[in-house]
C-alpha atoms as a PDB file:
ATOM      1  CA  MET A   1      -7.716-125.398 288.558  1.00  0.00           C
ATOM      2  CA  ARG A   2      -5.215-126.629 291.575  1.00  0.00           C
ATOM      3  CA  ARG A   3      -2.095-128.425 291.039  1.00  0.00           C
ATOM      4  CA  THR A   4       0.560-129.650 293.428  1.00  0.00           C
ATOM      5  CA  VAL A   5       4.075-129.588 292.500  1.00  0.00           C
ATOM      6  CA  LEU A   6       6.863-131.342 294.946  1.00  0.00           C
ATOM      7  CA  LEU A   7      10.051-130.759 294.709  1.00  0.00           C
ATOM      8  CA  ASP A   8      12.963-133.069 296.624  1.00  0.00           C
ATOM      9  CA  PHE A   9      15.650-131.826 297.586  1.00  0.00           C
ATOM     10  CA  PRO A  10      18.672-134.031 299.740  1.00  0.00           C
ATOM     11  CA  ASP A  11      18.975-131.599 302.229  1.00  0.00           C
ATOM     12  CA  MET A  12      18.117-127.508 303.886  1.00  0.00           C
ATOM     13  CA  THR A  13      21.203-126.440 302.050  1.00  0.00           C
ATOM     14  CA  THR A  14      21.089-127.503 298.819  1.00  0.00           C
ATOM     15  CA  LEU A  15      17.208-126.396 299.053  1.00  0.00           C
ATOM     16  CA  ARG A  16      18.782-123.009 300.149  1.00  0.00           C
ATOM     17  CA  ALA A  17      21.235-122.826 297.499  1.00  0.00           C
ATOM     18  CA  PHE A  18      18.507-123.399 294.979  1.00  0.00           C
ATOM     19  CA  TYR A  19      16.636-120.127 296.254  1.00  0.00           C
ATOM     20  CA  ALA A  20      19.814-118.454 295.392  1.00  0.00           C
ATOM     21  CA  SER A  21      20.602-119.648 292.169  1.00  0.00           C
ATOM     22  CA  PRO A  22      20.364-117.356 289.627  1.00  0.00           C
ATOM     23  CA  GLU A  23      18.302-119.619 287.267  1.00  0.00           C
ATOM     24  CA  TYR A  24      15.457-119.292 289.962  1.00  0.00           C
ATOM     25  CA  PRO A  25      14.287-116.376 289.930  1.00  0.00           C
ATOM     26  CA  PRO A  26      12.125-116.319 287.155  1.00  0.00           C
ATOM     27  CA  LEU A  27      10.573-119.299 287.989  1.00  0.00           C
ATOM     28  CA  LEU A  28       9.836-117.650 291.610  1.00  0.00           C
ATOM     29  CA  SER A  29       7.941-114.440 289.544  1.00  0.00           C
ATOM     30  CA  LEU A  30       5.672-117.128 288.085  1.00  0.00           C
ATOM     31  CA  ARG A  31       5.035-119.142 291.754  1.00  0.00           C
ATOM     32  CA  GLN A  32       4.168-114.871 292.861  1.00  0.00           C
ATOM     33  CA  ARG A  33       2.299-114.556 290.098  1.00  0.00           C
ATOM     34  CA  ALA A  34      -0.181-117.303 290.716  1.00  0.00           C
ATOM     35  CA  ARG A  35      -2.126-118.096 293.864  1.00  0.00           C
ATOM     36  CA  SER A  36       0.448-120.484 295.754  1.00  0.00           C
ATOM     37  CA  GLU A  37       1.276-122.074 298.708  1.00  0.00           C
ATOM     38  CA  VAL A  38       4.891-123.245 299.917  1.00  0.00           C
ATOM     39  CA  LEU A  39       5.114-125.968 302.416  1.00  0.00           C
ATOM     40  CA  ILE A  40       8.941-126.676 303.675  1.00  0.00           C
ATOM     41  CA  PHE A  41       9.300-129.849 305.394  1.00  0.00           C
ATOM     42  CA  ASP A  42      12.921-130.781 307.084  1.00  0.00           C
ATOM     43  CA  GLY A  43      13.804-134.337 307.907  1.00  0.00           C
ATOM     44  CA  ALA A  44      10.378-136.330 306.535  1.00  0.00           C
ATOM     45  CA  PRO A  45      10.760-139.762 305.612  1.00  0.00           C
ATOM     46  CA  ALA A  46      11.645-141.234 302.584  1.00  0.00           C
END
């Protein structure tokens, strides 16, 4: 089963704060166990 998850952040600073937050490690653990690919788009038009 293929899934696509899209997270939208207002800017890269907010994205980095999310990644460094104490809430993210459990989610990171799940993502690392799954077959996943991360793509980051900076400045994509809304």
